[in-house]
Amino acid sequence: MSSHSAYYVYIVECSDGTYYTGQTDNLDLRIKEHNGESKGGAKYTRGKGPVILKHYEKYSTRSEALKREAEIKKLTHQEKEKLI
């Protein structure tokens, strides 16, 4: 049984105006990683910081979060703006 109480799907805006979508069980840490304040982060966001958290959704299972992440990644930039 997992000890995580929640999983998050999130959208951050990079300094170049692009969006990055991801999922995590620790939203605060993940944003710090993307901003280079902590080790880790995505290749995509390196050099595009600082990133700003624009949107997040909370789920009780990782599989729900992964499914939603995939849905959001298929959206256009304009559709993501509407979601945000």
Protein backbone atom coordinates (compact mmCIF):
# COMPACT_ATOMS: atom_id res chain seq x y z
CA MET A 1 0.00 0.00 0.00
CA SER A 2 1.29 3.42 -0.93
CA SER A 3 1.97 5.93 1.82
CA HIS A 4 1.17 8.89 -0.44
CA SER A 5 -2.03 10.74 0.34
CA ALA A 6 -2.25 12.62 -2.95
CA TYR A 7 -0.89 12.89 -6.46
CA TYR A 8 -0.85 16.11 -8.43
CA VAL A 9 -1.01 16.97 -12.10
CA TYR A 10 0.39 20.42 -12.69
CA ILE A 11 1.13 22.98 -15.36
CA VAL A 12 4.02 25.40 -15.00
CA GLU A 13 4.77 28.33 -17.25
CA CYS A 14 8.39 28.63 -18.30
CA SER A 15 10.16 31.97 -18.70
CA ASP A 16 9.86 31.62 -22.50
CA GLY A 17 6.05 31.44 -22.25
CA THR A 18 5.77 27.70 -22.91
CA TYR A 19 3.94 25.31 -20.61
CA TYR A 20 5.23 22.12 -19.05
CA THR A 21 2.82 19.53 -17.67
CA GLY A 22 3.82 16.87 -15.16
CA GLN A 23 2.67 14.81 -12.21
CA THR A 24 4.13 14.31 -8.75
CA ASP A 25 3.35 13.30 -5.18
CA ASN A 26 5.22 16.34 -3.79
CA LEU A 27 4.22 19.52 -5.60
CA ASP A 28 6.39 21.94 -3.57
CA LEU A 29 9.52 19.86 -4.08
CA ARG A 30 8.81 19.38 -7.79
CA ILE A 31 8.52 23.13 -8.40
CA LYS A 32 11.81 23.66 -6.54
CA GLU A 33 13.41 21.00 -8.74
CA HIS A 34 12.15 22.71 -11.91
CA ASN A 35 13.54 26.01 -10.65
CA GLY A 36 16.96 24.52 -9.85
CA GLU A 37 16.56 24.99 -6.09
CA SER A 38 16.70 21.24 -5.55
CA LYS A 39 18.32 18.43 -7.53
CA GLY A 40 16.10 17.00 -10.24
CA GLY A 41 13.60 18.62 -12.56
CA ALA A 42 12.80 17.96 -16.18
CA LYS A 43 15.19 18.42 -19.09
CA TYR A 44 12.55 20.55 -20.76
CA THR A 45 12.49 23.16 -17.99
CA ARG A 46 16.28 23.46 -17.61
CA GLY A 47 17.34 26.86 -18.84
CA LYS A 48 13.73 27.97 -19.09
CA GLY A 49 13.32 29.04 -15.50
CA PRO A 50 12.11 30.35 -13.36
CA VAL A 51 8.92 28.39 -13.81
CA ILE A 52 5.65 29.54 -12.28
CA LEU A 53 2.96 27.13 -11.12
CA LYS A 54 -0.17 28.02 -13.09
CA HIS A 55 -2.54 25.11 -12.44
CA TYR A 56 -2.77 21.89 -10.48
CA GLU A 57 -5.26 19.13 -9.84
CA LYS A 58 -5.24 16.63 -6.97
CA TYR A 59 -5.88 12.88 -7.35
CA SER A 60 -5.94 9.99 -4.91
CA THR A 61 -4.04 7.53 -7.13
CA ARG A 62 -1.00 7.82 -9.38
CA SER A 63 -2.87 6.07 -12.21
CA GLU A 64 -5.57 8.78 -12.18
CA ALA A 65 -2.88 11.46 -12.21
CA LEU A 66 -0.99 9.81 -15.08
CA LYS A 67 -4.18 9.51 -17.12
CA ARG A 68 -5.01 13.19 -16.59
CA GLU A 69 -1.41 14.24 -17.34
CA ALA A 70 -1.64 12.45 -20.70
CA GLU A 71 -4.93 14.22 -21.47
CA ILE A 72 -3.50 17.65 -20.67
CA LYS A 73 -0.34 17.03 -22.70
CA LYS A 74 -2.54 16.52 -25.78
CA LEU A 75 -4.09 19.98 -25.40
CA THR A 76 -2.93 22.93 -27.48
CA HIS A 77 -1.28 25.94 -25.86
CA GLN A 78 -4.57 27.84 -26.17
CA GLU A 79 -6.57 24.99 -24.60
CA LYS A 80 -4.13 24.90 -21.69
CA GLU A 81 -4.58 28.66 -21.24
CA LYS A 82 -8.35 28.12 -20.98
CA LEU A 83 -7.80 25.36 -18.41
CA ILE A 84 -5.53 27.60 -16.36
